[in-house]
Amino acid sequence: DVAASRVRPVKELKGFERVTLQPGERRTLQFTLAPEQLGFYNQEMRFVVEPGAFKVMAGTSSEDPQMLEATFEVTAK
């Protein structure tokens, strides 16, 4: 969550898939994030998924300078 009501880690691993590409090869990959992967336990120990912007990143490692990024919005029910 870009702006959560609680302090959250800057990055959290929510999915992993090893993909091997040859030099110059390109592939389109798809990942699905379930709501339970976006939530956390609040102060009342209730599991919540807050509405707001979420940033997802993909790269060779968490420190990849060429990391791909996208943002999506979660809306309230």
Foldseek 3Di string as FASTA:
>chain_A
DVDDPDDDDPDDDQDDDDDDDDVPDDDDDDDDGDQQSQWDQDPVRDTDRDWDKDKDWDDPDPPDPPIDIDIDTDDDD
